[in-house]
PDB file of N, CA and C in Angstrom:
ATOM      1  N   MET A   1     -56.413  73.418  59.910  1.00  0.00           N
ATOM      2  CA  MET A   1     -55.095  72.880  59.661  1.00  0.00           C
ATOM      3  C   MET A   1     -54.368  73.733  58.633  1.00  0.00           C
ATOM      4  N   ASP A   2     -53.099  73.941  58.864  1.00  0.00           N
ATOM      5  CA  ASP A   2     -52.251  74.651  57.913  1.00  0.00           C
ATOM      6  C   ASP A   2     -51.308  73.658  57.261  1.00  0.00           C
ATOM      7  N   LEU A   3     -51.244  73.682  55.952  1.00  0.00           N
ATOM      8  CA  LEU A   3     -50.322  72.820  55.226  1.00  0.00           C
ATOM      9  C   LEU A   3     -48.927  73.408  55.324  1.00  0.00           C
ATOM     10  N   ILE A   4     -47.956  72.605  55.790  1.00  0.00           N
ATOM     11  CA  ILE A   4     -46.583  73.070  55.951  1.00  0.00           C
ATOM     12  C   ILE A   4     -45.721  72.623  54.774  1.00  0.00           C
ATOM     13  N   ASN A   5     -45.785  71.344  54.414  1.00  0.00           N
ATOM     14  CA  ASN A   5     -44.942  70.834  53.340  1.00  0.00           C
ATOM     15  C   ASN A   5     -45.509  69.530  52.801  1.00  0.00           C
ATOM     16  N   ILE A   6     -45.276  69.301  51.516  1.00  0.00           N
ATOM     17  CA  ILE A   6     -45.615  68.029  50.865  1.00  0.00           C
ATOM     18  C   ILE A   6     -44.417  67.621  50.017  1.00  0.00           C
ATOM     19  N   VAL A   7     -44.029  66.353  50.131  1.00  0.00           N
ATOM     20  CA  VAL A   7     -42.955  65.816  49.306  1.00  0.00           C
ATOM     21  C   VAL A   7     -43.473  64.539  48.654  1.00  0.00           C
ATOM     22  N   ILE A   8     -43.282  64.427  47.352  1.00  0.00           N
ATOM     23  CA  ILE A   8     -43.628  63.206  46.637  1.00  0.00           C
ATOM     24  C   ILE A   8     -42.367  62.357  46.567  1.00  0.00           C
ATOM     25  N   SER A   9     -42.501  61.097  46.922  1.00  0.00           N
ATOM     26  CA  SER A   9     -41.332  60.206  46.934  1.00  0.00           C
ATOM     27  C   SER A   9     -40.787  60.048  45.522  1.00  0.00           C
ATOM     28  N   TYR A  10     -39.494  59.752  45.438  1.00  0.00           N
ATOM     29  CA  TYR A  10     -38.868  59.532  44.136  1.00  0.00           C
ATOM     30  C   TYR A  10     -39.487  58.332  43.423  1.00  0.00           C
ATOM     31  N   THR A  11     -40.109  57.419  44.183  1.00  0.00           N
ATOM     32  CA  THR A  11     -40.787  56.270  43.575  1.00  0.00           C
ATOM     33  C   THR A  11     -42.169  56.653  43.040  1.00  0.00           C
ATOM     34  N   LYS A  12     -42.622  57.844  43.347  1.00  0.00           N
ATOM     35  CA  LYS A  12     -43.889  58.419  42.865  1.00  0.00           C
ATOM     36  C   LYS A  12     -45.125  57.641  43.289  1.00  0.00           C
ATOM     37  N   ASP A  13     -45.048  56.933  44.429  1.00  0.00           N
ATOM     38  CA  ASP A  13     -46.221  56.195  44.886  1.00  0.00           C
ATOM     39  C   ASP A  13     -46.760  56.693  46.223  1.00  0.00           C
ATOM     40  N   ILE A  14     -46.044  57.595  46.889  1.00  0.00           N
ATOM     41  CA  ILE A  14     -46.497  58.101  48.176  1.00  0.00           C
ATOM     42  C   ILE A  14     -46.111  59.570  48.322  1.00  0.00           C
ATOM     43  N   ALA A  15     -46.954  60.308  49.009  1.00  0.00           N
ATOM     44  CA  ALA A  15     -46.658  61.695  49.359  1.00  0.00           C
ATOM     45  C   ALA A  15     -46.590  61.791  50.878  1.00  0.00           C
ATOM     46  N   ILE A  16     -45.586  62.489  51.377  1.00  0.00           N
ATOM     47  CA  ILE A  16     -45.452  62.740  52.803  1.00  0.00           C
ATOM     48  C   ILE A  16     -45.928  64.167  53.034  1.00  0.00           C
ATOM     49  N   VAL A  17     -46.859  64.328  53.972  1.00  0.00           N
ATOM     50  CA  VAL A  17     -47.511  65.611  54.203  1.00  0.00           C
ATOM     51  C   VAL A  17     -47.320  66.031  55.661  1.00  0.00           C
ATOM     52  N   ILE A  18     -46.924  67.290  55.871  1.00  0.00           N
ATOM     53  CA  ILE A  18     -46.861  67.865  57.219  1.00  0.00           C
ATOM     54  C   ILE A  18     -47.943  68.932  57.308  1.00  0.00           C
ATOM     55  N   THR A  19     -48.823  68.796  58.303  1.00  0.00           N
ATOM     56  CA  THR A  19     -49.842  69.809  58.569  1.00  0.00           C
ATOM     57  C   THR A  19     -49.711  70.275  60.010  1.00  0.00           C
ATOM     58  N   HIS A  20     -49.951  71.566  60.205  1.00  0.00           N
ATOM     59  CA  HIS A  20     -49.949  72.139  61.550  1.00  0.00           C
ATOM     60  C   HIS A  20     -51.391  72.157  62.027  1.00  0.00           C
ATOM     61  N   ILE A  21     -51.647  71.397  63.073  1.00  0.00           N
ATOM     62  CA  ILE A  21     -53.006  71.299  63.600  1.00  0.00           C
ATOM     63  C   ILE A  21     -53.323  72.501  64.472  1.00  0.00           C
ATOM     64  N   GLY A  22     -52.317  73.069  65.127  1.00  0.00           N
ATOM     65  CA  GLY A  22     -52.520  74.273  65.911  1.00  0.00           C
ATOM     66  C   GLY A  22     -52.493  74.026  67.392  1.00  0.00           C
ATOM     67  N   GLU A  23     -52.930  75.010  68.101  1.00  0.00           N
ATOM     68  CA  GLU A  23     -52.956  74.963  69.551  1.00  0.00           C
ATOM     69  C   GLU A  23     -54.406  75.036  70.027  1.00  0.00           C
ATOM     70  N   PRO A  24     -54.960  73.926  70.501  1.00  0.00           N
ATOM     71  CA  PRO A  24     -56.329  73.957  71.014  1.00  0.00           C
ATOM     72  C   PRO A  24     -56.448  74.927  72.191  1.00  0.00           C
ATOM     73  N   GLU A  25     -57.606  75.517  72.354  1.00  0.00           N
ATOM     74  CA  GLU A  25     -57.812  76.509  73.407  1.00  0.00           C
ATOM     75  C   GLU A  25     -57.624  75.932  74.800  1.00  0.00           C
ATOM     76  N   ASP A  26     -57.961  74.654  74.986  1.00  0.00           N
ATOM     77  CA  ASP A  26     -57.872  74.039  76.305  1.00  0.00           C
ATOM     78  C   ASP A  26     -56.535  73.339  76.548  1.00  0.00           C
ATOM     79  N   ASP A  27     -55.571  73.517  75.656  1.00  0.00           N
ATOM     80  CA  ASP A  27     -54.314  72.796  75.747  1.00  0.00           C
ATOM     81  C   ASP A  27     -53.175  73.746  75.375  1.00  0.00           C
ATOM     82  N   ASP A  28     -52.069  73.676  76.083  1.00  0.00           N
ATOM     83  CA  ASP A  28     -50.915  74.513  75.776  1.00  0.00           C
ATOM     84  C   ASP A  28     -49.988  73.876  74.751  1.00  0.00           C
ATOM     85  N   ASP A  29     -50.284  72.654  74.323  1.00  0.00           N
ATOM     86  CA  ASP A  29     -49.415  71.947  73.394  1.00  0.00           C
ATOM     87  C   ASP A  29     -49.624  72.426  71.965  1.00  0.00           C
ATOM     88  N   ASP A  30     -48.552  72.343  71.197  1.00  0.00           N
ATOM     89  CA  ASP A  30     -48.582  72.606  69.767  1.00  0.00           C
ATOM     90  C   ASP A  30     -48.664  71.243  69.078  1.00  0.00           C
ATOM     91  N   HIS A  31     -49.381  71.146  67.959  1.00  0.00           N
ATOM     92  CA  HIS A  31     -49.617  69.849  67.313  1.00  0.00           C
ATOM     93  C   HIS A  31     -49.277  69.916  65.827  1.00  0.00           C
ATOM     94  N   PHE A  32     -48.530  68.924  65.365  1.00  0.00           N
ATOM     95  CA  PHE A  32     -48.291  68.713  63.948  1.00  0.00           C
ATOM     96  C   PHE A  32     -48.719  67.290  63.615  1.00  0.00           C
ATOM     97  N   GLU A  33     -49.164  67.076  62.385  1.00  0.00           N
ATOM     98  CA  GLU A  33     -49.470  65.727  61.927  1.00  0.00           C
ATOM     99  C   GLU A  33     -48.652  65.450  60.680  1.00  0.00           C
ATOM    100  N   ILE A  34     -48.003  64.295  60.670  1.00  0.00           N
ATOM    101  CA  ILE A  34     -47.247  63.827  59.518  1.00  0.00           C
ATOM    102  C   ILE A  34     -47.981  62.611  58.987  1.00  0.00           C
ATOM    103  N   SER A  35     -48.302  62.620  57.701  1.00  0.00           N
ATOM    104  CA  SER A  35     -49.064  61.498  57.152  1.00  0.00           C
ATOM    105  C   SER A  35     -48.509  61.085  55.801  1.00  0.00           C
ATOM    106  N   GLY A  36     -48.743  59.827  55.477  1.00  0.00           N
ATOM    107  CA  GLY A  36     -48.376  59.275  54.190  1.00  0.00           C
ATOM    108  C   GLY A  36     -49.637  59.020  53.384  1.00  0.00           C
ATOM    109  N   VAL A  37     -49.665  59.536  52.179  1.00  0.00           N
ATOM    110  CA  VAL A  37     -50.844  59.408  51.318  1.00  0.00           C
ATOM    111  C   VAL A  37     -50.448  58.661  50.050  1.00  0.00           C
ATOM    112  N   SER A  38     -51.197  57.622  49.724  1.00  0.00           N
ATOM    113  CA  SER A  38     -50.950  56.854  48.510  1.00  0.00           C
ATOM    114  C   SER A  38     -51.344  57.690  47.296  1.00  0.00           C
ATOM    115  N   LEU A  39     -50.451  57.763  46.325  1.00  0.00           N
ATOM    116  CA  LEU A  39     -50.767  58.496  45.099  1.00  0.00           C
ATOM    117  C   LEU A  39     -51.456  57.598  44.076  1.00  0.00           C
ATOM    118  N   ASN A  40     -51.599  56.318  44.403  1.00  0.00           N
ATOM    119  CA  ASN A  40     -52.331  55.396  43.539  1.00  0.00           C
ATOM    120  C   ASN A  40     -53.814  55.362  43.896  1.00  0.00           C
ATOM    121  N   SER A  41     -54.107  55.276  45.203  1.00  0.00           N
ATOM    122  CA  SER A  41     -55.504  55.183  45.641  1.00  0.00           C
ATOM    123  C   SER A  41     -56.010  56.480  46.279  1.00  0.00           C
ATOM    124  N   PHE A  42     -55.120  57.457  46.478  1.00  0.00           N
ATOM    125  CA  PHE A  42     -55.455  58.740  47.103  1.00  0.00           C
ATOM    126  C   PHE A  42     -56.057  58.572  48.491  1.00  0.00           C
ATOM    127  N   THR A  43     -55.566  57.573  49.224  1.00  0.00           N
ATOM    128  CA  THR A  43     -56.011  57.342  50.597  1.00  0.00           C
ATOM    129  C   THR A  43     -54.834  57.534  51.550  1.00  0.00           C
ATOM    130  N   GLN A  44     -55.171  57.907  52.767  1.00  0.00           N
ATOM    131  CA  GLN A  44     -54.149  58.064  53.792  1.00  0.00           C
ATOM    132  C   GLN A  44     -53.733  56.691  54.293  1.00  0.00           C
ATOM    133  N   LYS A  45     -52.447  56.382  54.219  1.00  0.00           N
ATOM    134  CA  LYS A  45     -51.935  55.073  54.620  1.00  0.00           C
ATOM    135  C   LYS A  45     -51.544  55.039  56.091  1.00  0.00           C
ATOM    136  N   TRP A  46     -51.035  56.148  56.620  1.00  0.00           N
ATOM    137  CA  TRP A  46     -50.634  56.217  58.020  1.00  0.00           C
ATOM    138  C   TRP A  46     -50.545  57.687  58.429  1.00  0.00           C
ATOM    139  N   SER A  47     -50.538  57.912  59.714  1.00  0.00           N
ATOM    140  CA  SER A  47     -50.320  59.269  60.221  1.00  0.00           C
ATOM    141  C   SER A  47     -49.681  59.183  61.600  1.00  0.00           C
ATOM    142  N   ARG A  48     -48.997  60.234  61.947  1.00  0.00           N
ATOM    143  CA  ARG A  48     -48.364  60.328  63.260  1.00  0.00           C
ATOM    144  C   ARG A  48     -48.483  61.760  63.739  1.00  0.00           C
ATOM    145  N   GLU A  49     -48.938  61.925  64.969  1.00  0.00           N
ATOM    146  CA  GLU A  49     -49.083  63.252  65.554  1.00  0.00           C
ATOM    147  C   GLU A  49     -47.903  63.529  66.470  1.00  0.00           C
ATOM    148  N   ILE A  50     -47.340  64.714  66.325  1.00  0.00           N
ATOM    149  CA  ILE A  50     -46.235  65.157  67.172  1.00  0.00           C
ATOM    150  C   ILE A  50     -46.762  66.313  68.012  1.00  0.00           C
ATOM    151  N   LYS A  51     -46.612  66.208  69.337  1.00  0.00           N
ATOM    152  CA  LYS A  51     -47.062  67.260  70.246  1.00  0.00           C
ATOM    153  C   LYS A  51     -45.869  67.818  70.994  1.00  0.00           C
ATOM    154  N   GLY A  52     -45.931  69.087  71.312  1.00  0.00           N
ATOM    155  CA  GLY A  52     -44.885  69.741  72.086  1.00  0.00           C
ATOM    156  C   GLY A  52     -45.325  71.114  72.525  1.00  0.00           C
ATOM    157  N   LYS A  53     -44.477  71.767  73.268  1.00  0.00           N
ATOM    158  CA  LYS A  53     -44.805  73.105  73.783  1.00  0.00           C
ATOM    159  C   LYS A  53     -44.602  74.189  72.742  1.00  0.00           C
ATOM    160  N   TRP A  54     -43.536  74.070  71.938  1.00  0.00           N
ATOM    161  CA  TRP A  54     -43.241  75.088  70.925  1.00  0.00           C
ATOM    162  C   TRP A  54     -42.534  74.402  69.774  1.00  0.00           C
ATOM    163  N   LEU A  55     -43.299  73.780  68.899  1.00  0.00           N
ATOM    164  CA  LEU A  55     -42.763  72.962  67.813  1.00  0.00           C
ATOM    165  C   LEU A  55     -42.506  73.779  66.557  1.00  0.00           C
ATOM    166  N   LYS A  56     -41.429  73.407  65.875  1.00  0.00           N
ATOM    167  CA  LYS A  56     -41.134  73.958  64.556  1.00  0.00           C
ATOM    168  C   LYS A  56     -40.635  72.817  63.688  1.00  0.00           C
ATOM    169  N   MET A  57     -41.252  72.616  62.540  1.00  0.00           N
ATOM    170  CA  MET A  57     -40.797  71.632  61.562  1.00  0.00           C
ATOM    171  C   MET A  57     -41.270  72.070  60.193  1.00  0.00           C
ATOM    172  N   ALA A  58     -40.486  71.734  59.162  1.00  0.00           N
ATOM    173  CA  ALA A  58     -40.878  72.121  57.814  1.00  0.00           C
ATOM    174  C   ALA A  58     -40.280  71.219  56.748  1.00  0.00           C
ATOM    175  N   ASN A  59     -39.012  70.871  56.857  1.00  0.00           N
ATOM    176  CA  ASN A  59     -38.322  70.177  55.774  1.00  0.00           C
ATOM    177  C   ASN A  59     -38.467  68.668  55.860  1.00  0.00           C
ATOM    178  N   ILE A  60     -38.612  68.057  54.687  1.00  0.00           N
ATOM    179  CA  ILE A  60     -38.661  66.609  54.554  1.00  0.00           C
ATOM    180  C   ILE A  60     -37.554  66.217  53.575  1.00  0.00           C
ATOM    181  N   GLU A  61     -36.657  65.356  54.003  1.00  0.00           N
ATOM    182  CA  GLU A  61     -35.584  64.866  53.137  1.00  0.00           C
ATOM    183  C   GLU A  61     -35.814  63.383  52.875  1.00  0.00           C
ATOM    184  N   GLN A  62     -35.326  62.910  51.729  1.00  0.00           N
ATOM    185  CA  GLN A  62     -35.450  61.483  51.401  1.00  0.00           C
ATOM    186  C   GLN A  62     -34.152  60.975  50.791  1.00  0.00           C
ATOM    187  N   ASN A  63     -33.941  59.670  50.901  1.00  0.00           N
ATOM    188  CA  ASN A  63     -32.739  59.097  50.291  1.00  0.00           C
ATOM    189  C   ASN A  63     -32.931  59.001  48.780  1.00  0.00           C
ATOM    190  N   GLU A  64     -31.873  58.658  48.079  1.00  0.00           N
ATOM    191  CA  GLU A  64     -31.912  58.630  46.609  1.00  0.00           C
ATOM    192  C   GLU A  64     -32.926  57.647  46.052  1.00  0.00           C
ATOM    193  N   ALA A  65     -33.210  56.573  46.788  1.00  0.00           N
ATOM    194  CA  ALA A  65     -34.167  55.573  46.315  1.00  0.00           C
ATOM    195  C   ALA A  65     -35.612  55.957  46.650  1.00  0.00           C
ATOM    196  N   GLY A  66     -35.827  56.982  47.461  1.00  0.00           N
ATOM    197  CA  GLY A  66     -37.177  57.378  47.840  1.00  0.00           C
ATOM    198  C   GLY A  66     -37.841  56.420  48.805  1.00  0.00           C
ATOM    199  N   GLU A  67     -37.035  55.670  49.571  1.00  0.00           N
ATOM    200  CA  GLU A  67     -37.573  54.682  50.503  1.00  0.00           C
ATOM    201  C   GLU A  67     -37.606  55.172  51.943  1.00  0.00           C
ATOM    202  N   TYR A  68     -36.706  56.088  52.285  1.00  0.00           N
ATOM    203  CA  TYR A  68     -36.609  56.598  53.656  1.00  0.00           C
ATOM    204  C   TYR A  68     -36.715  58.111  53.660  1.00  0.00           C
ATOM    205  N   PHE A  69     -37.376  58.620  54.690  1.00  0.00           N
ATOM    206  CA  PHE A  69     -37.602  60.053  54.832  1.00  0.00           C
ATOM    207  C   PHE A  69     -37.136  60.500  56.210  1.00  0.00           C
ATOM    208  N   ALA A  70     -36.624  61.707  56.291  1.00  0.00           N
ATOM    209  CA  ALA A  70     -36.186  62.262  57.566  1.00  0.00           C
ATOM    210  C   ALA A  70     -36.809  63.641  57.736  1.00  0.00           C
ATOM    211  N   ILE A  71     -37.354  63.874  58.922  1.00  0.00           N
ATOM    212  CA  ILE A  71     -37.955  65.163  59.254  1.00  0.00           C
ATOM    213  C   ILE A  71     -37.310  65.629  60.551  1.00  0.00           C
ATOM    214  N   ALA A  72     -36.528  66.700  60.467  1.00  0.00           N
ATOM    215  CA  ALA A  72     -35.912  67.274  61.658  1.00  0.00           C
ATOM    216  C   ALA A  72     -36.872  68.319  62.226  1.00  0.00           C
ATOM    217  N   TYR A  73     -36.972  68.346  63.549  1.00  0.00           N
ATOM    218  CA  TYR A  73     -37.831  69.337  64.179  1.00  0.00           C
ATOM    219  C   TYR A  73     -37.270  69.715  65.538  1.00  0.00           C
ATOM    220  N   GLN A  74     -37.792  70.792  66.081  1.00  0.00           N
ATOM    221  CA  GLN A  74     -37.384  71.213  67.416  1.00  0.00           C
ATOM    222  C   GLN A  74     -38.607  71.521  68.254  1.00  0.00           C
ATOM    223  N   ASP A  75     -38.467  71.277  69.522  1.00  0.00           N
ATOM    224  CA  ASP A  75     -39.520  71.576  70.492  1.00  0.00           C
ATOM    225  C   ASP A  75     -38.886  72.373  71.619  1.00  0.00           C
ATOM    226  N   ASN A  76     -39.085  73.682  71.561  1.00  0.00           N
ATOM    227  CA  ASN A  76     -38.581  74.580  72.596  1.00  0.00           C
ATOM    228  C   ASN A  76     -37.081  74.413  72.800  1.00  0.00           C
ATOM    229  N   GLY A  77     -36.325  74.307  71.698  1.00  0.00           N
ATOM    230  CA  GLY A  77     -34.875  74.225  71.756  1.00  0.00           C
ATOM    231  C   GLY A  77     -34.310  72.822  71.784  1.00  0.00           C
ATOM    232  N   GLU A  78     -35.136  71.802  71.939  1.00  0.00           N
ATOM    233  CA  GLU A  78     -34.656  70.414  71.893  1.00  0.00           C
ATOM    234  C   GLU A  78     -34.882  69.877  70.481  1.00  0.00           C
ATOM    235  N   PHE A  79     -33.810  69.374  69.881  1.00  0.00           N
ATOM    236  CA  PHE A  79     -33.869  68.925  68.497  1.00  0.00           C
ATOM    237  C   PHE A  79     -34.070  67.417  68.421  1.00  0.00           C
ATOM    238  N   ALA A  80     -34.790  66.983  67.383  1.00  0.00           N
ATOM    239  CA  ALA A  80     -35.038  65.564  67.157  1.00  0.00           C
ATOM    240  C   ALA A  80     -35.163  65.335  65.645  1.00  0.00           C
ATOM    241  N   VAL A  81     -34.957  64.094  65.242  1.00  0.00           N
ATOM    242  CA  VAL A  81     -35.130  63.709  63.842  1.00  0.00           C
ATOM    243  C   VAL A  81     -36.044  62.487  63.824  1.00  0.00           C
ATOM    244  N   LEU A  82     -37.089  62.583  63.025  1.00  0.00           N
ATOM    245  CA  LEU A  82     -38.008  61.475  62.817  1.00  0.00           C
ATOM    246  C   LEU A  82     -37.652  60.812  61.497  1.00  0.00           C
ATOM    247  N   VAL A  83     -37.349  59.519  61.516  1.00  0.00           N
ATOM    248  CA  VAL A  83     -36.994  58.779  60.302  1.00  0.00           C
ATOM    249  C   VAL A  83     -38.137  57.825  59.980  1.00  0.00           C
ATOM    250  N   LEU A  84     -38.606  57.868  58.735  1.00  0.00           N
ATOM    251  CA  LEU A  84     -39.746  57.060  58.290  1.00  0.00           C
ATOM    252  C   LEU A  84     -39.339  56.239  57.083  1.00  0.00           C
ATOM    253  N   ASP A  85     -39.992  55.097  56.900  1.00  0.00           N
ATOM    254  CA  ASP A  85     -39.827  54.370  55.646  1.00  0.00           C
ATOM    255  C   ASP A  85     -41.167  54.363  54.919  1.00  0.00           C
ATOM    256  N   SER A  86     -41.097  54.190  53.615  1.00  0.00           N
ATOM    257  CA  SER A  86     -42.325  54.262  52.830  1.00  0.00           C
ATOM    258  C   SER A  86     -43.134  53.002  52.945  1.00  0.00           C
TER     259      SER A  86
END
């Protein structure tokens, strides 16, 4: 896994992590995992895997209160935004 980005929420209780899982030899899909990690217990609270043919994602934005996060990404020219709450 390659670490792409980590953002600590403004509330300082969760970190949002993007990792690139890669392209398995038996699969043409590209894989990223987005996960939320508690900074109090250091445990993973949730994760979501994004699959596509040619994925690119890197930036994580959050609102001023640190409650909502947005991750824009593209898959072979198609753009999408994933919105998460803490």
